[in-house]
């Protein structure tokens, strides 16, 4: 319970949910995760995700978290937990979250360093982050060139349009 962030101030119904999580079936764990989300117990939900080993449960929990990422990020930013907000955004591979991550880097510093770090990566996830960072950086010619190099036709076409090349 300590590793999950459960304290004496935690409401009894949340403690009961967490207790039940460890004894629950796969469907039961997902149900508990949904209830934790509904009760805005995001930190406990995130910690449970880190501890979960069943891939089906992990996948469903990630989907639940993707729905609430803006709320979690807002909480982290309001608490001046910039790195925590970045970490939450990196949990998702959704385009909008990648763009938000790049914007956050642009505002807090580190966008150029992240671009340099991701440039040579062979990982598809890193390549998507790289192109998102280039979009936010605003160098349309470089974005177009890199999208072509990485084989991302959609981004290449978008960059061409932004560059005034309608053909």
N, C-alpha and C. Protein backbone atom coordinates (compact mmCIF):
# COMPACT_ATOMS: atom_id res chain seq x y z
N UNK A 1 0.82 -1.19 0.00
CA UNK A 1 0.00 0.00 0.00
C UNK A 1 0.87 1.26 0.00
N UNK A 2 1.99 1.20 0.67
CA UNK A 2 2.87 2.36 0.71
C UNK A 2 3.40 2.65 -0.69
N UNK A 3 3.79 1.62 -1.43
CA UNK A 3 4.30 1.81 -2.79
C UNK A 3 3.24 2.40 -3.71
N UNK A 4 1.98 2.21 -3.39
CA UNK A 4 0.89 2.74 -4.21
C UNK A 4 0.51 4.17 -3.81
N UNK A 5 1.08 4.65 -2.71
CA UNK A 5 0.77 6.00 -2.27
C UNK A 5 -0.47 6.07 -1.39
N UNK A 6 -0.91 4.93 -0.88
CA UNK A 6 -2.06 4.91 0.02
C UNK A 6 -1.58 5.37 1.40
N UNK A 7 -2.27 6.37 1.93
CA UNK A 7 -1.91 6.95 3.22
C UNK A 7 -3.09 6.82 4.18
N UNK A 8 -2.90 7.17 5.43
CA UNK A 8 -4.04 7.15 6.37
C UNK A 8 -5.17 8.09 5.95
N UNK A 9 -4.84 9.09 5.13
CA UNK A 9 -5.86 10.04 4.66
C UNK A 9 -6.65 9.52 3.46
N UNK A 10 -6.21 8.40 2.90
CA UNK A 10 -6.90 7.84 1.74
C UNK A 10 -8.29 7.38 2.16
N UNK A 11 -9.32 7.77 1.40
CA UNK A 11 -10.69 7.36 1.76
C UNK A 11 -10.83 5.83 1.81
N UNK A 12 -11.62 5.33 2.75
CA UNK A 12 -11.79 3.88 2.91
C UNK A 12 -12.25 3.18 1.64
N UNK A 13 -13.10 3.82 0.83
CA UNK A 13 -13.58 3.15 -0.39
C UNK A 13 -12.44 2.97 -1.38
N UNK A 14 -11.46 3.85 -1.38
CA UNK A 14 -10.30 3.71 -2.27
C UNK A 14 -9.40 2.59 -1.75
N UNK A 15 -9.21 2.54 -0.46
CA UNK A 15 -8.41 1.46 0.13
C UNK A 15 -9.05 0.11 -0.18
N UNK A 16 -10.36 0.04 -0.08
CA UNK A 16 -11.09 -1.19 -0.40
C UNK A 16 -10.91 -1.58 -1.87
N UNK A 17 -10.95 -0.59 -2.76
CA UNK A 17 -10.72 -0.86 -4.18
C UNK A 17 -9.32 -1.43 -4.41
N UNK A 18 -8.33 -0.79 -3.81
CA UNK A 18 -6.95 -1.23 -4.00
C UNK A 18 -6.76 -2.64 -3.43
N UNK A 19 -7.32 -2.89 -2.26
CA UNK A 19 -7.24 -4.24 -1.68
C UNK A 19 -7.85 -5.27 -2.63
N UNK A 20 -8.99 -4.93 -3.20
CA UNK A 20 -9.68 -5.84 -4.09
C UNK A 20 -8.95 -6.05 -5.40
N UNK A 21 -8.15 -5.09 -5.81
CA UNK A 21 -7.44 -5.18 -7.08
C UNK A 21 -6.53 -6.41 -7.12
N UNK A 22 -5.82 -6.64 -6.05
CA UNK A 22 -4.82 -7.71 -6.04
C UNK A 22 -5.44 -9.11 -6.01
N UNK A 23 -6.69 -9.19 -5.63
CA UNK A 23 -7.38 -10.48 -5.59
C UNK A 23 -8.33 -10.66 -6.77
N UNK A 24 -8.44 -9.66 -7.62
CA UNK A 24 -9.44 -9.65 -8.68
C UNK A 24 -8.97 -10.43 -9.92
N UNK A 25 -9.97 -10.83 -10.70
CA UNK A 25 -9.71 -11.44 -12.01
C UNK A 25 -9.28 -10.32 -12.96
N UNK A 26 -9.01 -10.68 -14.20
CA UNK A 26 -8.62 -9.67 -15.18
C UNK A 26 -9.72 -8.63 -15.34
N UNK A 27 -10.95 -9.07 -15.51
CA UNK A 27 -12.08 -8.13 -15.63
C UNK A 27 -12.24 -7.30 -14.37
N UNK A 28 -12.02 -7.93 -13.23
CA UNK A 28 -12.12 -7.22 -11.95
C UNK A 28 -11.07 -6.14 -11.82
N UNK A 29 -9.85 -6.43 -12.27
CA UNK A 29 -8.78 -5.43 -12.21
C UNK A 29 -9.11 -4.23 -13.10
N UNK A 30 -9.65 -4.51 -14.27
CA UNK A 30 -10.03 -3.42 -15.18
C UNK A 30 -11.14 -2.59 -14.56
N UNK A 31 -12.08 -3.26 -13.91
CA UNK A 31 -13.17 -2.55 -13.24
C UNK A 31 -12.63 -1.65 -12.13
N UNK A 32 -11.69 -2.16 -11.36
CA UNK A 32 -11.08 -1.35 -10.29
C UNK A 32 -10.37 -0.15 -10.91
N UNK A 33 -9.64 -0.38 -12.00
CA UNK A 33 -8.93 0.71 -12.66
C UNK A 33 -9.91 1.79 -13.12
N UNK A 34 -11.04 1.37 -13.67
CA UNK A 34 -12.05 2.34 -14.11
C UNK A 34 -12.59 3.13 -12.92
N UNK A 35 -12.82 2.45 -11.81
CA UNK A 35 -13.33 3.14 -10.62
C UNK A 35 -12.29 4.11 -10.06
N UNK A 36 -11.03 3.72 -10.10
CA UNK A 36 -9.98 4.63 -9.64
C UNK A 36 -9.92 5.87 -10.54
N UNK A 37 -10.07 5.65 -11.85
CA UNK A 37 -10.10 6.78 -12.78
C UNK A 37 -11.29 7.69 -12.46
N UNK A 38 -12.46 7.09 -12.26
CA UNK A 38 -13.67 7.86 -11.98
C UNK A 38 -13.56 8.65 -10.68
N UNK A 39 -12.78 8.12 -9.72
CA UNK A 39 -12.57 8.79 -8.44
C UNK A 39 -11.34 9.72 -8.47
N UNK A 40 -10.77 9.90 -9.65
CA UNK A 40 -9.63 10.79 -9.84
C UNK A 40 -8.42 10.39 -9.01
N UNK A 41 -8.26 9.09 -8.81
CA UNK A 41 -7.09 8.56 -8.10
C UNK A 41 -6.03 8.18 -9.13
N UNK A 42 -5.57 9.19 -9.86
CA UNK A 42 -4.67 8.97 -10.98
C UNK A 42 -3.32 8.41 -10.54
N UNK A 43 -2.78 8.91 -9.43
CA UNK A 43 -1.47 8.42 -8.99
C UNK A 43 -1.51 6.94 -8.64
N UNK A 44 -2.55 6.52 -7.96
CA UNK A 44 -2.68 5.10 -7.61
C UNK A 44 -2.83 4.28 -8.89
N UNK A 45 -3.62 4.76 -9.82
CA UNK A 45 -3.81 4.07 -11.09
C UNK A 45 -2.48 3.92 -11.82
N UNK A 46 -1.69 4.98 -11.87
CA UNK A 46 -0.39 4.93 -12.54
C UNK A 46 0.56 3.96 -11.85
N UNK A 47 0.53 3.93 -10.54
CA UNK A 47 1.41 3.01 -9.81
C UNK A 47 0.97 1.56 -9.99
N UNK A 48 -0.34 1.33 -10.03
CA UNK A 48 -0.83 -0.03 -10.30
C UNK A 48 -0.39 -0.49 -11.69
N UNK A 49 -0.43 0.42 -12.63
CA UNK A 49 0.00 0.08 -13.99
C UNK A 49 1.45 -0.40 -13.99
N UNK A 50 2.30 0.29 -13.27
CA UNK A 50 3.72 -0.09 -13.20
C UNK A 50 3.92 -1.47 -12.58
N UNK A 51 3.00 -1.86 -11.70
CA UNK A 51 3.13 -3.14 -11.00
C UNK A 51 2.47 -4.29 -11.75
N UNK A 52 1.59 -3.99 -12.68
CA UNK A 52 0.79 -5.02 -13.36
C UNK A 52 1.64 -5.80 -14.36
N UNK A 53 1.46 -7.12 -14.38
CA UNK A 53 2.22 -7.97 -15.29
C UNK A 53 1.36 -8.55 -16.42
N UNK A 54 0.04 -8.58 -16.25
CA UNK A 54 -0.83 -9.14 -17.28
C UNK A 54 -0.94 -8.15 -18.43
N UNK A 55 -0.53 -8.55 -19.62
CA UNK A 55 -0.50 -7.64 -20.76
C UNK A 55 -1.89 -7.12 -21.14
N UNK A 56 -2.92 -7.94 -20.99
CA UNK A 56 -4.28 -7.49 -21.29
C UNK A 56 -4.72 -6.38 -20.36
N UNK A 57 -4.40 -6.54 -19.09
CA UNK A 57 -4.75 -5.51 -18.11
C UNK A 57 -3.93 -4.25 -18.37
N UNK A 58 -2.65 -4.42 -18.66
CA UNK A 58 -1.78 -3.28 -18.94
C UNK A 58 -2.31 -2.49 -20.14
N UNK A 59 -2.69 -3.21 -21.19
CA UNK A 59 -3.20 -2.55 -22.40
C UNK A 59 -4.46 -1.75 -22.10
N UNK A 60 -5.38 -2.34 -21.35
CA UNK A 60 -6.63 -1.64 -21.02
C UNK A 60 -6.37 -0.45 -20.09
N UNK A 61 -5.44 -0.62 -19.14
CA UNK A 61 -5.12 0.48 -18.23
C UNK A 61 -4.47 1.63 -19.00
N UNK A 62 -3.62 1.30 -19.95
CA UNK A 62 -2.99 2.35 -20.77
C UNK A 62 -4.05 3.12 -21.56
N UNK A 63 -5.05 2.40 -22.07
CA UNK A 63 -6.14 3.05 -22.80
C UNK A 63 -6.93 3.98 -21.87
N UNK A 64 -7.18 3.53 -20.65
CA UNK A 64 -7.88 4.38 -19.68
C UNK A 64 -7.07 5.64 -19.38
N UNK A 65 -5.78 5.46 -19.20
CA UNK A 65 -4.91 6.58 -18.87
C UNK A 65 -4.81 7.55 -20.05
N UNK A 66 -4.77 7.01 -21.28
CA UNK A 66 -4.69 7.89 -22.46
C UNK A 66 -5.88 8.84 -22.51
N UNK A 67 -7.03 8.39 -22.03
CA UNK A 67 -8.23 9.24 -22.02
C UNK A 67 -8.10 10.41 -21.06
N UNK A 68 -7.31 10.23 -20.01
CA UNK A 68 -7.24 11.25 -18.96
C UNK A 68 -5.89 11.95 -18.89
N UNK A 69 -5.03 11.69 -19.87
CA UNK A 69 -3.70 12.31 -19.86
C UNK A 69 -3.76 13.83 -19.71
N UNK A 70 -4.64 14.53 -20.43
CA UNK A 70 -4.66 16.00 -20.24
C UNK A 70 -4.93 16.41 -18.78
N UNK A 71 -5.80 15.69 -18.10
CA UNK A 71 -6.10 16.02 -16.70
C UNK A 71 -4.89 15.77 -15.82
N UNK A 72 -4.22 14.64 -16.04
CA UNK A 72 -3.06 14.31 -15.23
C UNK A 72 -1.93 15.32 -15.48
N UNK A 73 -1.72 15.65 -16.74
CA UNK A 73 -0.66 16.60 -17.09
C UNK A 73 -0.96 17.96 -16.47
N UNK A 74 -2.21 18.38 -16.55
CA UNK A 74 -2.58 19.67 -15.94
C UNK A 74 -2.29 19.66 -14.45
N UNK A 75 -2.63 18.56 -13.76
CA UNK A 75 -2.33 18.48 -12.33
C UNK A 75 -0.84 18.59 -12.06
N UNK A 76 -0.04 17.88 -12.88
CA UNK A 76 1.42 17.92 -12.70
C UNK A 76 1.96 19.34 -12.94
N UNK A 77 1.47 19.98 -13.99
CA UNK A 77 1.95 21.32 -14.29
C UNK A 77 1.53 22.32 -13.22
N UNK A 78 0.31 22.19 -12.71
CA UNK A 78 -0.15 23.07 -11.63
C UNK A 78 0.69 22.89 -10.37
N UNK A 79 1.22 21.69 -10.19
CA UNK A 79 2.08 21.41 -9.03
C UNK A 79 3.55 21.67 -9.35
N UNK A 80 3.81 22.25 -10.54
CA UNK A 80 5.16 22.54 -11.01
C UNK A 80 6.03 21.28 -11.11
N UNK A 81 5.41 20.18 -11.45
CA UNK A 81 6.11 18.90 -11.66
C UNK A 81 6.29 18.69 -13.16
N UNK A 82 7.20 19.45 -13.74
CA UNK A 82 7.40 19.46 -15.19
C UNK A 82 7.82 18.08 -15.70
N UNK A 83 8.79 17.47 -15.03
CA UNK A 83 9.26 16.16 -15.47
C UNK A 83 8.13 15.13 -15.38
N UNK A 84 7.33 15.20 -14.35
CA UNK A 84 6.19 14.30 -14.22
C UNK A 84 5.21 14.46 -15.36
N UNK A 85 4.97 15.70 -15.79
CA UNK A 85 4.08 15.95 -16.92
C UNK A 85 4.66 15.36 -18.20
N UNK A 86 5.97 15.52 -18.40
CA UNK A 86 6.63 14.95 -19.58
C UNK A 86 6.51 13.43 -19.57
N UNK A 87 6.75 12.83 -18.42
CA UNK A 87 6.67 11.37 -18.31
C UNK A 87 5.27 10.86 -18.65
N UNK A 88 4.26 11.56 -18.18
CA UNK A 88 2.87 11.15 -18.47
C UNK A 88 2.60 11.24 -19.97
N UNK A 89 3.02 12.32 -20.59
CA UNK A 89 2.79 12.46 -22.03
C UNK A 89 3.51 11.37 -22.83
N UNK A 90 4.65 10.94 -22.34
CA UNK A 90 5.41 9.89 -23.05
C UNK A 90 4.80 8.51 -22.88
N UNK A 91 3.81 8.39 -22.02
CA UNK A 91 3.14 7.09 -21.86
C UNK A 91 2.24 6.77 -23.04
N UNK A 92 1.95 7.77 -23.83
CA UNK A 92 1.02 7.60 -24.95
C UNK A 92 1.75 7.77 -26.27
N UNK A 93 1.28 7.05 -27.27
CA UNK A 93 1.83 7.24 -28.60
C UNK A 93 0.83 7.96 -29.52
N UNK A 94 -0.22 8.51 -28.91
CA UNK A 94 -1.19 9.27 -29.69
C UNK A 94 -0.56 10.57 -30.17
N UNK A 95 -0.88 10.93 -31.41
CA UNK A 95 -0.29 12.11 -32.03
C UNK A 95 -0.46 13.36 -31.17
N UNK A 96 -1.67 13.58 -30.66
CA UNK A 96 -1.91 14.80 -29.89
C UNK A 96 -1.03 14.87 -28.65
N UNK A 97 -0.74 13.72 -28.04
CA UNK A 97 0.11 13.71 -26.85
C UNK A 97 1.57 13.93 -27.23
N UNK A 98 1.98 13.43 -28.39
CA UNK A 98 3.35 13.68 -28.86
C UNK A 98 3.56 15.16 -29.13
N UNK A 99 2.57 15.78 -29.73
CA UNK A 99 2.66 17.22 -30.02
C UNK A 99 2.67 18.01 -28.71
N UNK A 100 1.84 17.62 -27.76
CA UNK A 100 1.83 18.31 -26.46
C UNK A 100 3.18 18.16 -25.76
N UNK A 101 3.76 16.97 -25.86
CA UNK A 101 5.09 16.72 -25.28
C UNK A 101 6.12 17.67 -25.91
N UNK A 102 6.10 17.77 -27.24
CA UNK A 102 7.04 18.64 -27.93
C UNK A 102 6.82 20.10 -27.54
N UNK A 103 5.57 20.52 -27.43
CA UNK A 103 5.28 21.90 -27.01
C UNK A 103 5.80 22.15 -25.59
N UNK A 104 5.62 21.17 -24.72
CA UNK A 104 6.12 21.31 -23.35
C UNK A 104 7.63 21.44 -23.34
N UNK A 105 8.30 20.64 -24.17
CA UNK A 105 9.76 20.78 -24.28
C UNK A 105 10.13 22.16 -24.81
N UNK A 106 9.36 22.64 -25.77
CA UNK A 106 9.64 23.96 -26.32
C UNK A 106 9.50 25.06 -25.28
N UNK A 107 8.53 24.92 -24.41
CA UNK A 107 8.29 25.93 -23.37
C UNK A 107 9.26 25.84 -22.20
N UNK A 108 9.70 24.63 -21.88
CA UNK A 108 10.54 24.44 -20.70
C UNK A 108 12.01 24.25 -21.03
N UNK A 109 12.31 24.15 -22.31
CA UNK A 109 13.70 23.92 -22.74
C UNK A 109 13.93 22.44 -23.00
N UNK A 110 14.75 22.18 -23.96
CA UNK A 110 15.09 20.80 -24.24
C UNK A 110 14.59 20.28 -25.58
N UNK A 111 13.87 21.10 -26.33
CA UNK A 111 13.34 20.63 -27.61
C UNK A 111 14.48 20.29 -28.57
N UNK A 112 15.46 21.17 -28.68
CA UNK A 112 16.58 20.91 -29.60
C UNK A 112 17.38 19.67 -29.18
N UNK A 113 17.57 19.50 -27.89
CA UNK A 113 18.30 18.33 -27.40
C UNK A 113 17.52 17.05 -27.68
N UNK A 114 16.20 17.11 -27.53
CA UNK A 114 15.36 15.93 -27.79
C UNK A 114 15.40 15.59 -29.28
N UNK A 115 15.37 16.59 -30.13
CA UNK A 115 15.46 16.37 -31.57
C UNK A 115 16.78 15.69 -31.91
N UNK A 116 17.85 16.19 -31.34
CA UNK A 116 19.17 15.60 -31.60
C UNK A 116 19.23 14.16 -31.09
N UNK A 117 18.65 13.91 -29.94
CA UNK A 117 18.67 12.56 -29.36
C UNK A 117 17.87 11.58 -30.20
N UNK A 118 16.74 12.01 -30.72
CA UNK A 118 15.85 11.12 -31.46
C UNK A 118 16.22 10.96 -32.93
N UNK A 119 17.02 11.84 -33.46
CA UNK A 119 17.30 11.89 -34.90
C UNK A 119 17.72 10.56 -35.49
N UNK A 120 18.61 9.85 -34.89
CA UNK A 120 19.14 8.61 -35.48
C UNK A 120 18.46 7.34 -35.02
N UNK A 121 17.43 7.47 -34.21
CA UNK A 121 16.79 6.28 -33.65
C UNK A 121 16.08 5.46 -34.73
N UNK A 122 16.14 4.16 -34.58
CA UNK A 122 15.45 3.24 -35.49
C UNK A 122 14.08 2.84 -34.95
N UNK A 123 13.79 3.20 -33.72
CA UNK A 123 12.51 2.87 -33.08
C UNK A 123 11.39 3.68 -33.72
N UNK A 124 10.31 3.00 -34.08
CA UNK A 124 9.15 3.68 -34.67
C UNK A 124 8.57 4.70 -33.69
N UNK A 125 8.54 4.37 -32.42
CA UNK A 125 8.03 5.29 -31.41
C UNK A 125 8.88 6.55 -31.36
N UNK A 126 10.21 6.37 -31.35
CA UNK A 126 11.11 7.52 -31.32
C UNK A 126 11.00 8.34 -32.60
N UNK A 127 10.81 7.67 -33.74
CA UNK A 127 10.68 8.40 -35.00
C UNK A 127 9.42 9.26 -35.00
N UNK A 128 8.32 8.73 -34.45
CA UNK A 128 7.09 9.52 -34.34
C UNK A 128 7.31 10.72 -33.42
N UNK A 129 8.02 10.53 -32.31
CA UNK A 129 8.33 11.64 -31.41
C UNK A 129 9.21 12.67 -32.11
N UNK A 130 10.16 12.17 -32.87
CA UNK A 130 11.08 13.04 -33.60
C UNK A 130 10.32 13.94 -34.57
N UNK A 131 9.44 13.35 -35.36
CA UNK A 131 8.68 14.15 -36.32
C UNK A 131 7.74 15.12 -35.61
N UNK A 132 7.17 14.72 -34.48
CA UNK A 132 6.32 15.64 -33.71
C UNK A 132 7.15 16.82 -33.21
N UNK A 133 8.35 16.54 -32.74
CA UNK A 133 9.22 17.63 -32.27
C UNK A 133 9.60 18.56 -33.42
N UNK A 134 9.87 17.99 -34.59
CA UNK A 134 10.19 18.83 -35.75
C UNK A 134 8.99 19.70 -36.14
N UNK A 135 7.79 19.17 -36.04
CA UNK A 135 6.59 19.97 -36.35
C UNK A 135 6.50 21.17 -35.43
N UNK A 136 6.74 20.92 -34.16
CA UNK A 136 6.65 22.01 -33.18
C UNK A 136 7.78 23.00 -33.38
N UNK A 137 8.95 22.52 -33.74
CA UNK A 137 10.10 23.40 -33.96
C UNK A 137 9.81 24.37 -35.11
N UNK A 138 9.10 23.90 -36.14
CA UNK A 138 8.64 24.80 -37.19
C UNK A 138 9.50 24.88 -38.44
N UNK A 139 10.55 24.09 -38.54
CA UNK A 139 11.38 24.09 -39.75
C UNK A 139 10.73 23.15 -40.76
N UNK A 140 9.89 23.72 -41.64
CA UNK A 140 9.08 22.93 -42.57
C UNK A 140 9.96 22.15 -43.55
N UNK A 141 11.03 22.77 -44.04
CA UNK A 141 11.90 22.09 -45.00
C UNK A 141 12.55 20.87 -44.36
N UNK A 142 13.04 21.02 -43.13
CA UNK A 142 13.65 19.89 -42.43
C UNK A 142 12.61 18.82 -42.14
N UNK A 143 11.42 19.23 -41.73
CA UNK A 143 10.36 18.27 -41.46
C UNK A 143 10.06 17.46 -42.72
N UNK A 144 9.97 18.13 -43.84
CA UNK A 144 9.66 17.44 -45.10
C UNK A 144 10.77 16.45 -45.46
N UNK A 145 11.99 16.89 -45.34
CA UNK A 145 13.14 16.03 -45.65
C UNK A 145 13.19 14.81 -44.74
N UNK A 146 13.00 15.03 -43.46
CA UNK A 146 13.07 13.93 -42.50
C UNK A 146 11.88 12.98 -42.64
N UNK A 147 10.71 13.51 -42.92
CA UNK A 147 9.54 12.65 -43.15
C UNK A 147 9.78 11.77 -44.36
N UNK A 148 10.37 12.31 -45.40
CA UNK A 148 10.69 11.52 -46.59
C UNK A 148 11.70 10.43 -46.23
N UNK A 149 12.74 10.81 -45.50
CA UNK A 149 13.79 9.84 -45.10
C UNK A 149 13.20 8.70 -44.27
N UNK A 150 12.25 9.03 -43.39
CA UNK A 150 11.66 8.02 -42.50
C UNK A 150 10.47 7.30 -43.12
N UNK A 151 10.06 7.73 -44.31
CA UNK A 151 8.96 7.05 -44.99
C UNK A 151 7.59 7.39 -44.45
N UNK A 152 7.44 8.56 -43.85
CA UNK A 152 6.14 9.00 -43.32
C UNK A 152 5.49 9.91 -44.37
N UNK A 153 4.72 9.30 -45.27
CA UNK A 153 4.12 10.03 -46.38
C UNK A 153 3.16 11.12 -45.92
N UNK A 154 2.35 10.82 -44.91
CA UNK A 154 1.38 11.82 -44.44
C UNK A 154 2.07 13.09 -43.98
N UNK A 155 3.12 12.93 -43.19
CA UNK A 155 3.85 14.10 -42.69
C UNK A 155 4.59 14.80 -43.82
N UNK A 156 5.10 14.03 -44.76
CA UNK A 156 5.79 14.62 -45.91
C UNK A 156 4.82 15.49 -46.72
N UNK A 157 3.62 14.99 -46.96
CA UNK A 157 2.63 15.75 -47.72
C UNK A 157 2.22 17.01 -46.95
N UNK A 158 2.01 16.87 -45.66
CA UNK A 158 1.65 18.03 -44.84
C UNK A 158 2.75 19.09 -44.91
N UNK A 159 3.99 18.66 -44.77
CA UNK A 159 5.11 19.61 -44.83
C UNK A 159 5.19 20.26 -46.21
N UNK A 160 4.95 19.50 -47.25
CA UNK A 160 4.98 20.06 -48.61
C UNK A 160 3.90 21.14 -48.75
N UNK A 161 2.71 20.86 -48.25
CA UNK A 161 1.63 21.85 -48.30
C UNK A 161 2.00 23.11 -47.52
N UNK A 162 2.56 22.91 -46.34
CA UNK A 162 2.97 24.07 -45.52
C UNK A 162 4.06 24.87 -46.22
N UNK A 163 4.86 24.16 -47.01
CA UNK A 163 5.97 24.80 -47.73
C UNK A 163 5.49 25.47 -49.03
N UNK A 164 4.19 25.34 -49.33
CA UNK A 164 3.63 25.96 -50.52
C UNK A 164 3.66 25.08 -51.75
N UNK A 165 4.08 23.84 -51.59
CA UNK A 165 4.14 22.89 -52.72
C UNK A 165 2.84 22.11 -52.76
N UNK A 166 1.90 22.56 -53.58
CA UNK A 166 0.60 21.91 -53.64
C UNK A 166 0.55 20.73 -54.60
N UNK A 167 1.63 20.52 -55.31
CA UNK A 167 1.69 19.38 -56.25
C UNK A 167 2.16 18.17 -55.50
